PDB file of all heavy atoms in Angstrom:
ATOM      1  N   GLY A   1     -28.926  -0.955 -31.536  1.00  0.00           N
ATOM      2  CA  GLY A   1     -29.976  -0.819 -30.530  1.00  0.00           C
ATOM      3  C   GLY A   1     -29.455  -0.924 -29.119  1.00  0.00           C
ATOM      4  O   GLY A   1     -30.224  -0.909 -28.174  1.00  0.00           O
ATOM      5  N   ALA A   2     -28.174  -1.031 -28.961  1.00  0.00           N
ATOM      6  CA  ALA A   2     -27.575  -1.131 -27.624  1.00  0.00           C
ATOM      7  C   ALA A   2     -27.132   0.254 -27.176  1.00  0.00           C
ATOM      8  O   ALA A   2     -26.922   1.148 -27.991  1.00  0.00           O
ATOM      9  CB  ALA A   2     -26.386  -2.081 -27.644  1.00  0.00           C
ATOM     10  N   THR A   3     -27.016   0.404 -25.909  1.00  0.00           N
ATOM     11  CA  THR A   3     -26.517   1.649 -25.329  1.00  0.00           C
ATOM     12  C   THR A   3     -25.112   1.381 -24.819  1.00  0.00           C
ATOM     13  O   THR A   3     -24.898   0.403 -24.097  1.00  0.00           O
ATOM     14  CB  THR A   3     -27.416   2.095 -24.160  1.00  0.00           C
ATOM     15  OG1 THR A   3     -28.757   2.206 -24.631  1.00  0.00           O
ATOM     16  CG2 THR A   3     -26.984   3.434 -23.610  1.00  0.00           C
ATOM     17  N   PRO A   4     -24.160   2.245 -25.178  1.00  0.00           N
ATOM     18  CA  PRO A   4     -22.799   2.051 -24.653  1.00  0.00           C
ATOM     19  C   PRO A   4     -22.816   2.024 -23.121  1.00  0.00           C
ATOM     20  O   PRO A   4     -23.604   2.719 -22.483  1.00  0.00           O
ATOM     21  CB  PRO A   4     -22.042   3.269 -25.174  1.00  0.00           C
ATOM     22  CG  PRO A   4     -22.814   3.732 -26.363  1.00  0.00           C
ATOM     23  CD  PRO A   4     -24.253   3.387 -26.076  1.00  0.00           C
ATOM     24  N   ASP A   5     -21.950   1.202 -22.556  1.00  0.00           N
ATOM     25  CA  ASP A   5     -21.897   1.058 -21.101  1.00  0.00           C
ATOM     26  C   ASP A   5     -21.675   2.391 -20.403  1.00  0.00           C
ATOM     27  O   ASP A   5     -22.277   2.659 -19.364  1.00  0.00           O
ATOM     28  CB  ASP A   5     -20.794   0.072 -20.698  1.00  0.00           C
ATOM     29  CG  ASP A   5     -21.114  -1.354 -21.122  1.00  0.00           C
ATOM     30  OD1 ASP A   5     -22.274  -1.615 -21.500  1.00  0.00           O
ATOM     31  OD2 ASP A   5     -20.207  -2.198 -21.074  1.00  0.00           O
ATOM     32  N   SER A   6     -20.818   3.225 -20.971  1.00  0.00           N
ATOM     33  CA  SER A   6     -20.545   4.521 -20.335  1.00  0.00           C
ATOM     34  C   SER A   6     -21.811   5.372 -20.298  1.00  0.00           C
ATOM     35  O   SER A   6     -22.098   6.022 -19.296  1.00  0.00           O
ATOM     36  CB  SER A   6     -19.438   5.257 -21.086  1.00  0.00           C
ATOM     37  OG  SER A   6     -19.799   5.447 -22.442  1.00  0.00           O
ATOM     38  N   GLU A   7     -22.585   5.340 -21.361  1.00  0.00           N
ATOM     39  CA  GLU A   7     -23.826   6.110 -21.390  1.00  0.00           C
ATOM     40  C   GLU A   7     -24.838   5.534 -20.406  1.00  0.00           C
ATOM     41  O   GLU A   7     -25.534   6.276 -19.706  1.00  0.00           O
ATOM     42  CB  GLU A   7     -24.416   6.100 -22.802  1.00  0.00           C
ATOM     43  CG  GLU A   7     -25.657   6.957 -22.949  1.00  0.00           C
ATOM     44  CD  GLU A   7     -26.182   6.985 -24.366  1.00  0.00           C
ATOM     45  OE1 GLU A   7     -25.406   6.757 -25.318  1.00  0.00           O
ATOM     46  OE2 GLU A   7     -27.388   7.239 -24.525  1.00  0.00           O
ATOM     47  N   ARG A   8     -24.903   4.214 -20.313  1.00  0.00           N
ATOM     48  CA  ARG A   8     -25.821   3.561 -19.378  1.00  0.00           C
ATOM     49  C   ARG A   8     -25.469   3.939 -17.936  1.00  0.00           C
ATOM     50  O   ARG A   8     -26.342   4.250 -17.128  1.00  0.00           O
ATOM     51  CB  ARG A   8     -25.773   2.052 -19.580  1.00  0.00           C
ATOM     52  CG  ARG A   8     -26.830   1.296 -18.830  1.00  0.00           C
ATOM     53  CD  ARG A   8     -26.927  -0.194 -19.122  1.00  0.00           C
ATOM     54  NE  ARG A   8     -25.781  -0.830 -19.718  1.00  0.00           N
ATOM     55  CZ  ARG A   8     -25.683  -1.169 -21.013  1.00  0.00           C
ATOM     56  NH1 ARG A   8     -26.661  -0.902 -21.833  1.00  0.00           N
ATOM     57  NH2 ARG A   8     -24.611  -1.773 -21.475  1.00  0.00           N
ATOM     58  N   ARG A   9     -24.163   3.946 -17.632  1.00  0.00           N
ATOM     59  CA  ARG A   9     -23.728   4.331 -16.275  1.00  0.00           C
ATOM     60  C   ARG A   9     -24.068   5.792 -15.992  1.00  0.00           C
ATOM     61  O   ARG A   9     -24.520   6.127 -14.897  1.00  0.00           O
ATOM     62  CB  ARG A   9     -22.234   4.093 -16.106  1.00  0.00           C
ATOM     63  CG  ARG A   9     -21.862   2.634 -15.901  1.00  0.00           C
ATOM     64  CD  ARG A   9     -20.413   2.480 -15.453  1.00  0.00           C
ATOM     65  NE  ARG A   9     -19.457   3.155 -16.309  1.00  0.00           N
ATOM     66  CZ  ARG A   9     -18.881   2.622 -17.378  1.00  0.00           C
ATOM     67  NH1 ARG A   9     -19.162   1.382 -17.727  1.00  0.00           N
ATOM     68  NH2 ARG A   9     -18.025   3.306 -18.104  1.00  0.00           N
ATOM     69  N   LEU A  10     -23.856   6.652 -16.980  1.00  0.00           N
ATOM     70  CA  LEU A  10     -24.175   8.069 -16.786  1.00  0.00           C
ATOM     71  C   LEU A  10     -25.671   8.276 -16.589  1.00  0.00           C
ATOM     72  O   LEU A  10     -26.090   9.071 -15.742  1.00  0.00           O
ATOM     73  CB  LEU A  10     -23.683   8.896 -17.974  1.00  0.00           C
ATOM     74  CG  LEU A  10     -22.189   9.141 -18.030  1.00  0.00           C
ATOM     75  CD1 LEU A  10     -21.805   9.838 -19.336  1.00  0.00           C
ATOM     76  CD2 LEU A  10     -21.728   9.979 -16.846  1.00  0.00           C
ATOM     77  N   ARG A  11     -26.485   7.565 -17.362  1.00  0.00           N
ATOM     78  CA  ARG A  11     -27.938   7.686 -17.201  1.00  0.00           C
ATOM     79  C   ARG A  11     -28.366   7.222 -15.809  1.00  0.00           C
ATOM     80  O   ARG A  11     -29.230   7.827 -15.188  1.00  0.00           O
ATOM     81  CB  ARG A  11     -28.668   6.885 -18.272  1.00  0.00           C
ATOM     82  CG  ARG A  11     -28.592   7.510 -19.643  1.00  0.00           C
ATOM     83  CD  ARG A  11     -29.367   6.683 -20.669  1.00  0.00           C
ATOM     84  NE  ARG A  11     -29.174   7.187 -21.995  1.00  0.00           N
ATOM     85  CZ  ARG A  11     -29.868   8.186 -22.536  1.00  0.00           C
ATOM     86  NH1 ARG A  11     -30.797   8.788 -21.825  1.00  0.00           N
ATOM     87  NH2 ARG A  11     -29.635   8.581 -23.770  1.00  0.00           N
ATOM     88  N   GLN A  12     -27.761   6.152 -15.329  1.00  0.00           N
ATOM     89  CA  GLN A  12     -28.066   5.659 -13.987  1.00  0.00           C
ATOM     90  C   GLN A  12     -27.665   6.688 -12.937  1.00  0.00           C
ATOM     91  O   GLN A  12     -28.400   6.947 -11.984  1.00  0.00           O
ATOM     92  CB  GLN A  12     -27.352   4.332 -13.748  1.00  0.00           C
ATOM     93  CG  GLN A  12     -27.682   3.695 -12.417  1.00  0.00           C
ATOM     94  CD  GLN A  12     -26.972   2.357 -12.241  1.00  0.00           C
ATOM     95  OE1 GLN A  12     -26.126   1.976 -13.033  1.00  0.00           O
ATOM     96  NE2 GLN A  12     -27.323   1.645 -11.196  1.00  0.00           N
ATOM     97  N   GLN A  13     -26.504   7.292 -13.132  1.00  0.00           N
ATOM     98  CA  GLN A  13     -26.046   8.303 -12.183  1.00  0.00           C
ATOM     99  C   GLN A  13     -26.965   9.522 -12.215  1.00  0.00           C
ATOM    100  O   GLN A  13     -27.306  10.078 -11.171  1.00  0.00           O
ATOM    101  CB  GLN A  13     -24.613   8.719 -12.514  1.00  0.00           C
ATOM    102  CG  GLN A  13     -24.007   9.645 -11.489  1.00  0.00           C
ATOM    103  CD  GLN A  13     -22.549   9.960 -11.783  1.00  0.00           C
ATOM    104  OE1 GLN A  13     -22.049   9.694 -12.870  1.00  0.00           O
ATOM    105  NE2 GLN A  13     -21.875  10.547 -10.823  1.00  0.00           N
ATOM    106  N   VAL A  14     -27.407   9.921 -13.400  1.00  0.00           N
ATOM    107  CA  VAL A  14     -28.336  11.057 -13.515  1.00  0.00           C
ATOM    108  C   VAL A  14     -29.639  10.735 -12.788  1.00  0.00           C
ATOM    109  O   VAL A  14     -30.186  11.575 -12.072  1.00  0.00           O
ATOM    110  CB  VAL A  14     -28.592  11.404 -15.002  1.00  0.00           C
ATOM    111  CG1 VAL A  14     -29.790  12.319 -15.152  1.00  0.00           C
ATOM    112  CG2 VAL A  14     -27.361  12.042 -15.618  1.00  0.00           C
ATOM    113  N   ARG A  15     -30.133   9.499 -12.962  1.00  0.00           N
ATOM    114  CA  ARG A  15     -31.374   9.092 -12.294  1.00  0.00           C
ATOM    115  C   ARG A  15     -31.213   9.181 -10.771  1.00  0.00           C
ATOM    116  O   ARG A  15     -32.073   9.712 -10.067  1.00  0.00           O
ATOM    117  CB  ARG A  15     -31.745   7.675 -12.733  1.00  0.00           C
ATOM    118  CG  ARG A  15     -33.097   7.202 -12.286  1.00  0.00           C
ATOM    119  CD  ARG A  15     -33.535   5.870 -12.906  1.00  0.00           C
ATOM    120  NE  ARG A  15     -32.485   4.883 -13.089  1.00  0.00           N
ATOM    121  CZ  ARG A  15     -31.914   4.579 -14.257  1.00  0.00           C
ATOM    122  NH1 ARG A  15     -32.293   5.165 -15.357  1.00  0.00           N
ATOM    123  NH2 ARG A  15     -30.958   3.659 -14.329  1.00  0.00           N
ATOM    124  N   LYS A  16     -30.085   8.678 -10.253  1.00  0.00           N
ATOM    125  CA  LYS A  16     -29.844   8.743  -8.802  1.00  0.00           C
ATOM    126  C   LYS A  16     -29.750  10.186  -8.326  1.00  0.00           C
ATOM    127  O   LYS A  16     -30.274  10.538  -7.264  1.00  0.00           O
ATOM    128  CB  LYS A  16     -28.557   7.989  -8.443  1.00  0.00           C
ATOM    129  CG  LYS A  16     -28.701   6.497  -8.491  1.00  0.00           C
ATOM    130  CD  LYS A  16     -27.393   5.815  -8.126  1.00  0.00           C
ATOM    131  CE  LYS A  16     -27.501   4.320  -8.249  1.00  0.00           C
ATOM    132  NZ  LYS A  16     -26.214   3.649  -7.973  1.00  0.00           N
ATOM    133  N   LEU A  17     -29.073  11.033  -9.111  1.00  0.00           N
ATOM    134  CA  LEU A  17     -28.939  12.435  -8.720  1.00  0.00           C
ATOM    135  C   LEU A  17     -30.290  13.143  -8.707  1.00  0.00           C
ATOM    136  O   LEU A  17     -30.550  13.980  -7.837  1.00  0.00           O
ATOM    137  CB  LEU A  17     -27.962  13.153  -9.650  1.00  0.00           C
ATOM    138  CG  LEU A  17     -26.495  12.754  -9.483  1.00  0.00           C
ATOM    139  CD1 LEU A  17     -25.650  13.383 -10.591  1.00  0.00           C
ATOM    140  CD2 LEU A  17     -25.968  13.153  -8.119  1.00  0.00           C
ATOM    141  N   LYS A  18     -31.157  12.794  -9.654  1.00  0.00           N
ATOM    142  CA  LYS A  18     -32.500  13.385  -9.660  1.00  0.00           C
ATOM    143  C   LYS A  18     -33.287  12.956  -8.429  1.00  0.00           C
ATOM    144  O   LYS A  18     -34.010  13.760  -7.838  1.00  0.00           O
ATOM    145  CB  LYS A  18     -33.250  12.993 -10.933  1.00  0.00           C
ATOM    146  CG  LYS A  18     -32.800  13.762 -12.147  1.00  0.00           C
ATOM    147  CD  LYS A  18     -33.597  13.370 -13.389  1.00  0.00           C
ATOM    148  CE  LYS A  18     -33.146  14.173 -14.593  1.00  0.00           C
ATOM    149  NZ  LYS A  18     -33.900  13.812 -15.802  1.00  0.00           N
ATOM    150  N   GLU A  19     -33.144  11.682  -8.042  1.00  0.00           N
ATOM    151  CA  GLU A  19     -33.815  11.203  -6.836  1.00  0.00           C
ATOM    152  C   GLU A  19     -33.295  11.943  -5.611  1.00  0.00           C
ATOM    153  O   GLU A  19     -34.075  12.347  -4.738  1.00  0.00           O
ATOM    154  CB  GLU A  19     -33.607   9.702  -6.674  1.00  0.00           C
ATOM    155  CG  GLU A  19     -34.337   8.859  -7.694  1.00  0.00           C
ATOM    156  CD  GLU A  19     -33.929   7.394  -7.674  1.00  0.00           C
ATOM    157  OE1 GLU A  19     -33.088   7.004  -6.828  1.00  0.00           O
ATOM    158  OE2 GLU A  19     -34.451   6.635  -8.518  1.00  0.00           O
ATOM    159  N   LEU A  20     -31.978  12.124  -5.535  1.00  0.00           N
ATOM    160  CA  LEU A  20     -31.399  12.864  -4.407  1.00  0.00           C
ATOM    161  C   LEU A  20     -31.866  14.309  -4.395  1.00  0.00           C
ATOM    162  O   LEU A  20     -32.148  14.875  -3.337  1.00  0.00           O
ATOM    163  CB  LEU A  20     -29.864  12.809  -4.466  1.00  0.00           C
ATOM    164  CG  LEU A  20     -29.229  11.471  -4.119  1.00  0.00           C
ATOM    165  CD1 LEU A  20     -27.726  11.508  -4.403  1.00  0.00           C
ATOM    166  CD2 LEU A  20     -29.482  11.121  -2.665  1.00  0.00           C
ATOM    167  N   ARG A  21     -31.955  14.892  -5.577  1.00  0.00           N
ATOM    168  CA  ARG A  21     -32.411  16.287  -5.677  1.00  0.00           C
ATOM    169  C   ARG A  21     -33.847  16.414  -5.173  1.00  0.00           C
ATOM    170  O   ARG A  21     -34.184  17.357  -4.456  1.00  0.00           O
ATOM    171  CB  ARG A  21     -32.305  16.755  -7.121  1.00  0.00           C
ATOM    172  CG  ARG A  21     -32.649  18.190  -7.311  1.00  0.00           C
ATOM    173  CD  ARG A  21     -32.376  18.623  -8.732  1.00  0.00           C
ATOM    174  NE  ARG A  21     -32.796  19.994  -8.901  1.00  0.00           N
ATOM    175  CZ  ARG A  21     -33.420  20.430  -9.969  1.00  0.00           C
ATOM    176  NH1 ARG A  21     -33.657  19.633 -10.978  1.00  0.00           N
ATOM    177  NH2 ARG A  21     -33.780  21.687 -10.048  1.00  0.00           N
ATOM    178  N   THR A  22     -34.706  15.456  -5.530  1.00  0.00           N
ATOM    179  CA  THR A  22     -36.089  15.462  -5.070  1.00  0.00           C
ATOM    180  C   THR A  22     -36.147  15.313  -3.551  1.00  0.00           C
ATOM    181  O   THR A  22     -36.885  16.031  -2.876  1.00  0.00           O
ATOM    182  CB  THR A  22     -36.883  14.326  -5.753  1.00  0.00           C
ATOM    183  OG1 THR A  22     -36.837  14.522  -7.167  1.00  0.00           O
ATOM    184  CG2 THR A  22     -38.316  14.293  -5.301  1.00  0.00           C
ATOM    185  N   ALA A  23     -35.349  14.391  -3.023  1.00  0.00           N
ATOM    186  CA  ALA A  23     -35.315  14.192  -1.568  1.00  0.00           C
ATOM    187  C   ALA A  23     -34.795  15.450  -0.871  1.00  0.00           C
ATOM    188  O   ALA A  23     -35.333  15.851   0.170  1.00  0.00           O
ATOM    189  CB  ALA A  23     -34.445  12.983  -1.221  1.00  0.00           C
ATOM    190  N   ASP A  24     -33.778  16.065  -1.447  1.00  0.00           N
ATOM    191  CA  ASP A  24     -33.236  17.298  -0.861  1.00  0.00           C
ATOM    192  C   ASP A  24     -34.278  18.413  -0.888  1.00  0.00           C
ATOM    193  O   ASP A  24     -34.394  19.190   0.064  1.00  0.00           O
ATOM    194  CB  ASP A  24     -31.972  17.747  -1.597  1.00  0.00           C
ATOM    195  CG  ASP A  24     -30.762  16.877  -1.291  1.00  0.00           C
ATOM    196  OD1 ASP A  24     -30.827  16.082  -0.326  1.00  0.00           O
ATOM    197  OD2 ASP A  24     -29.758  16.989  -2.026  1.00  0.00           O
ATOM    198  N   ALA A  25     -35.040  18.503  -1.980  1.00  0.00           N
ATOM    199  CA  ALA A  25     -36.077  19.542  -2.076  1.00  0.00           C
ATOM    200  C   ALA A  25     -37.135  19.343  -0.989  1.00  0.00           C
ATOM    201  O   ALA A  25     -37.591  20.316  -0.372  1.00  0.00           O
ATOM    202  CB  ALA A  25     -36.717  19.527  -3.468  1.00  0.00           C
ATOM    203  N   ARG A  26     -37.515  18.080  -0.754  1.00  0.00           N
ATOM    204  CA  ARG A  26     -38.490  17.801   0.321  1.00  0.00           C
ATOM    205  C   ARG A  26     -37.914  18.192   1.675  1.00  0.00           C
ATOM    206  O   ARG A  26     -38.592  18.805   2.511  1.00  0.00           O
ATOM    207  CB  ARG A  26     -38.870  16.321   0.328  1.00  0.00           C
ATOM    208  CG  ARG A  26     -39.880  15.938  -0.721  1.00  0.00           C
ATOM    209  CD  ARG A  26     -40.466  14.552  -0.461  1.00  0.00           C
ATOM    210  NE  ARG A  26     -39.456  13.519  -0.421  1.00  0.00           N
ATOM    211  CZ  ARG A  26     -39.100  12.756  -1.434  1.00  0.00           C
ATOM    212  NH1 ARG A  26     -39.682  12.897  -2.596  1.00  0.00           N
ATOM    213  NH2 ARG A  26     -38.158  11.838  -1.297  1.00  0.00           N
ATOM    214  N   GLU A  27     -36.651  17.842   1.907  1.00  0.00           N
ATOM    215  CA  GLU A  27     -36.012  18.170   3.189  1.00  0.00           C
ATOM    216  C   GLU A  27     -35.903  19.684   3.368  1.00  0.00           C
ATOM    217  O   GLU A  27     -36.158  20.206   4.452  1.00  0.00           O
ATOM    218  CB  GLU A  27     -34.634  17.530   3.267  1.00  0.00           C
ATOM    219  CG  GLU A  27     -33.952  17.756   4.604  1.00  0.00           C
ATOM    220  CD  GLU A  27     -32.581  17.101   4.694  1.00  0.00           C
ATOM    221  OE1 GLU A  27     -32.113  16.505   3.705  1.00  0.00           O
ATOM    222  OE2 GLU A  27     -31.971  17.211   5.769  1.00  0.00           O
ATOM    223  N   ILE A  28     -35.557  20.387   2.316  1.00  0.00           N
ATOM    224  CA  ILE A  28     -35.447  21.852   2.393  1.00  0.00           C
ATOM    225  C   ILE A  28     -36.802  22.464   2.702  1.00  0.00           C
ATOM    226  O   ILE A  28     -36.906  23.388   3.528  1.00  0.00           O
ATOM    227  CB  ILE A  28     -34.849  22.415   1.087  1.00  0.00           C
ATOM    228  CG1 ILE A  28     -33.355  22.074   1.018  1.00  0.00           C
ATOM    229  CG2 ILE A  28     -35.065  23.917   0.984  1.00  0.00           C
ATOM    230  CD1 ILE A  28     -32.711  22.367  -0.322  1.00  0.00           C
ATOM    231  N   ALA A  29     -37.867  21.953   2.055  1.00  0.00           N
ATOM    232  CA  ALA A  29     -39.211  22.472   2.333  1.00  0.00           C
ATOM    233  C   ALA A  29     -39.580  22.250   3.794  1.00  0.00           C
ATOM    234  O   ALA A  29     -40.141  23.142   4.447  1.00  0.00           O
ATOM    235  CB  ALA A  29     -40.228  21.805   1.410  1.00  0.00           C
ATOM    236  N   GLN A  30     -39.254  21.059   4.331  1.00  0.00           N
ATOM    237  CA  GLN A  30     -39.544  20.777   5.735  1.00  0.00           C
ATOM    238  C   GLN A  30     -38.738  21.688   6.658  1.00  0.00           C
ATOM    239  O   GLN A  30     -39.252  22.208   7.643  1.00  0.00           O
ATOM    240  CB  GLN A  30     -39.254  19.300   6.063  1.00  0.00           C
ATOM    241  CG  GLN A  30     -39.555  18.916   7.500  1.00  0.00           C
ATOM    242  CD  GLN A  30     -41.014  19.097   7.860  1.00  0.00           C
ATOM    243  OE1 GLN A  30     -41.885  18.624   7.151  1.00  0.00           O
ATOM    244  NE2 GLN A  30     -41.285  19.793   8.950  1.00  0.00           N
ATOM    245  N   LEU A  31     -37.473  21.898   6.322  1.00  0.00           N
ATOM    246  CA  LEU A  31     -36.629  22.778   7.141  1.00  0.00           C
ATOM    247  C   LEU A  31     -37.144  24.215   7.117  1.00  0.00           C
ATOM    248  O   LEU A  31     -37.125  24.900   8.145  1.00  0.00           O
ATOM    249  CB  LEU A  31     -35.177  22.719   6.667  1.00  0.00           C
ATOM    250  CG  LEU A  31     -34.448  21.397   6.942  1.00  0.00           C
ATOM    251  CD1 LEU A  31     -33.103  21.378   6.238  1.00  0.00           C
ATOM    252  CD2 LEU A  31     -34.282  21.181   8.430  1.00  0.00           C
ATOM    253  N   LYS A  32     -37.621  24.669   5.966  1.00  0.00           N
ATOM    254  CA  LYS A  32     -38.187  26.027   5.886  1.00  0.00           C
ATOM    255  C   LYS A  32     -39.424  26.136   6.771  1.00  0.00           C
ATOM    256  O   LYS A  32     -39.604  27.144   7.465  1.00  0.00           O
ATOM    257  CB  LYS A  32     -38.537  26.374   4.440  1.00  0.00           C
ATOM    258  CG  LYS A  32     -37.335  26.715   3.594  1.00  0.00           C
ATOM    259  CD  LYS A  32     -37.747  27.087   2.176  1.00  0.00           C
ATOM    260  CE  LYS A  32     -36.533  27.479   1.349  1.00  0.00           C
ATOM    261  NZ  LYS A  32     -36.903  27.854  -0.024  1.00  0.00           N
ATOM    262  N   ALA A  33     -40.272  25.109   6.746  1.00  0.00           N
ATOM    263  CA  ALA A  33     -41.458  25.118   7.602  1.00  0.00           C
ATOM    264  C   ALA A  33     -41.047  25.121   9.073  1.00  0.00           C
ATOM    265  O   ALA A  33     -41.645  25.829   9.889  1.00  0.00           O
ATOM    266  CB  ALA A  33     -42.341  23.903   7.287  1.00  0.00           C
ATOM    267  N   ASP A  34     -40.030  24.332   9.412  1.00  0.00           N
ATOM    268  CA  ASP A  34     -39.541  24.298  10.799  1.00  0.00           C
ATOM    269  C   ASP A  34     -39.004  25.667  11.220  1.00  0.00           C
ATOM    270  O   ASP A  34     -39.239  26.121  12.341  1.00  0.00           O
ATOM    271  CB  ASP A  34     -38.449  23.241  10.959  1.00  0.00           C
ATOM    272  CG  ASP A  34     -38.976  21.819  10.825  1.00  0.00           C
ATOM    273  OD1 ASP A  34     -40.212  21.624  10.821  1.00  0.00           O
ATOM    274  OD2 ASP A  34     -38.135  20.889  10.695  1.00  0.00           O
ATOM    275  N   VAL A  35     -38.275  26.317  10.324  1.00  0.00           N
ATOM    276  CA  VAL A  35     -37.724  27.638  10.631  1.00  0.00           C
ATOM    277  C   VAL A  35     -38.862  28.627  10.894  1.00  0.00           C
ATOM    278  O   VAL A  35     -38.807  29.408  11.849  1.00  0.00           O
ATOM    279  CB  VAL A  35     -36.804  28.139   9.489  1.00  0.00           C
ATOM    280  CG1 VAL A  35     -36.515  29.622   9.620  1.00  0.00           C
ATOM    281  CG2 VAL A  35     -35.503  27.356   9.485  1.00  0.00           C
ATOM    282  N   GLU A  36     -39.900  28.579  10.044  1.00  0.00           N
ATOM    283  CA  GLU A  36     -41.041  29.484  10.252  1.00  0.00           C
ATOM    284  C   GLU A  36     -41.688  29.245  11.602  1.00  0.00           C
ATOM    285  O   GLU A  36     -42.027  30.198  12.316  1.00  0.00           O
ATOM    286  CB  GLU A  36     -42.066  29.309   9.128  1.00  0.00           C
ATOM    287  CG  GLU A  36     -41.626  29.902   7.811  1.00  0.00           C
ATOM    288  CD  GLU A  36     -42.686  29.751   6.725  1.00  0.00           C
ATOM    289  OE1 GLU A  36     -43.890  29.731   7.059  1.00  0.00           O
ATOM    290  OE2 GLU A  36     -42.294  29.665   5.560  1.00  0.00           O
ATOM    291  N   ALA A  37     -41.850  27.973  11.983  1.00  0.00           N
ATOM    292  CA  ALA A  37     -42.458  27.654  13.277  1.00  0.00           C
ATOM    293  C   ALA A  37     -41.570  28.142  14.422  1.00  0.00           C
ATOM    294  O   ALA A  37     -42.058  28.709  15.413  1.00  0.00           O
ATOM    295  CB  ALA A  37     -42.693  26.150  13.386  1.00  0.00           C
ATOM    296  N   LEU A  38     -40.274  27.954  14.294  1.00  0.00           N
ATOM    297  CA  LEU A  38     -39.352  28.400  15.341  1.00  0.00           C
ATOM    298  C   LEU A  38     -39.310  29.916  15.441  1.00  0.00           C
ATOM    299  O   LEU A  38     -39.248  30.472  16.552  1.00  0.00           O
ATOM    300  CB  LEU A  38     -37.946  27.840  15.083  1.00  0.00           C
ATOM    301  CG  LEU A  38     -37.791  26.339  15.311  1.00  0.00           C
ATOM    302  CD1 LEU A  38     -36.438  25.863  14.813  1.00  0.00           C
ATOM    303  CD2 LEU A  38     -37.982  25.997  16.779  1.00  0.00           C
ATOM    304  N   VAL A  39     -39.355  30.602  14.309  1.00  0.00           N
ATOM    305  CA  VAL A  39     -39.381  32.071  14.330  1.00  0.00           C
ATOM    306  C   VAL A  39     -40.655  32.553  15.017  1.00  0.00           C
ATOM    307  O   VAL A  39     -40.629  33.498  15.822  1.00  0.00           O
ATOM    308  CB  VAL A  39     -39.249  32.642  12.899  1.00  0.00           C
ATOM    309  CG1 VAL A  39     -39.609  34.118  12.867  1.00  0.00           C
ATOM    310  CG2 VAL A  39     -37.838  32.429  12.376  1.00  0.00           C
ATOM    311  N   GLY A  40     -41.773  31.882  14.727  1.00  0.00           N
ATOM    312  CA  GLY A  40     -43.030  32.250  15.380  1.00  0.00           C
ATOM    313  C   GLY A  40     -42.958  32.045  16.886  1.00  0.00           C
ATOM    314  O   GLY A  40     -43.392  32.902  17.664  1.00  0.00           O
ATOM    315  N   ALA A  41     -42.400  30.913  17.314  1.00  0.00           N
ATOM    316  CA  ALA A  41     -42.268  30.642  18.748  1.00  0.00           C
ATOM    317  C   ALA A  41     -41.328  31.645  19.405  1.00  0.00           C
ATOM    318  O   ALA A  41     -41.585  32.125  20.517  1.00  0.00           O
ATOM    319  CB  ALA A  41     -41.769  29.213  18.964  1.00  0.00           C
ATOM    320  N   LEU A  42     -40.239  31.980  18.719  1.00  0.00           N
ATOM    321  CA  LEU A  42     -39.300  32.962  19.256  1.00  0.00           C
ATOM    322  C   LEU A  42     -39.964  34.333  19.376  1.00  0.00           C
ATOM    323  O   LEU A  42     -39.795  35.033  20.387  1.00  0.00           O
ATOM    324  CB  LEU A  42     -38.057  33.056  18.365  1.00  0.00           C
ATOM    325  CG  LEU A  42     -37.004  34.075  18.791  1.00  0.00           C
ATOM    326  CD1 LEU A  42     -36.444  33.731  20.166  1.00  0.00           C
ATOM    327  CD2 LEU A  42     -35.898  34.133  17.766  1.00  0.00           C
ATOM    328  N   HIS A  43     -40.724  34.706  18.370  1.00  0.00           N
ATOM    329  CA  HIS A  43     -41.422  35.997  18.402  1.00  0.00           C
ATOM    330  C   HIS A  43     -42.402  36.037  19.570  1.00  0.00           C
ATOM    331  O   HIS A  43     -42.473  37.034  20.305  1.00  0.00           O
ATOM    332  CB  HIS A  43     -42.163  36.237  17.080  1.00  0.00           C
ATOM    333  CG  HIS A  43     -42.952  37.498  17.058  1.00  0.00           C
ATOM    334  ND1 HIS A  43     -42.359  38.742  17.025  1.00  0.00           N
ATOM    335  CD2 HIS A  43     -44.286  37.719  17.094  1.00  0.00           C
ATOM    336  CE1 HIS A  43     -43.293  39.672  17.040  1.00  0.00           C
ATOM    337  NE2 HIS A  43     -44.474  39.078  17.067  1.00  0.00           N
ATOM    338  N   GLN A  44     -43.152  34.935  19.760  1.00  0.00           N
ATOM    339  CA  GLN A  44     -44.108  34.883  20.868  1.00  0.00           C
ATOM    340  C   GLN A  44     -43.386  34.979  22.212  1.00  0.00           C
ATOM    341  O   GLN A  44     -43.795  35.713  23.098  1.00  0.00           O
ATOM    342  CB  GLN A  44     -44.926  33.598  20.793  1.00  0.00           C
ATOM    343  CG  GLN A  44     -45.965  33.489  21.903  1.00  0.00           C
ATOM    344  CD  GLN A  44     -46.775  32.217  21.801  1.00  0.00           C
ATOM    345  OE1 GLN A  44     -46.652  31.477  20.832  1.00  0.00           O
ATOM    346  NE2 GLN A  44     -47.597  31.963  22.795  1.00  0.00           N
TER     347      GLN A  44
END
């Protein structure tokens, strides 16, 4: 019923990477919105 330490470390690393991926996705969405706003201002 125990998990090998190497597997536990890998699962922890996967969890952290998923959190980073989610944060990156939010940042990318915000940057895309910023780009659209800047393109609109430039066009105007």
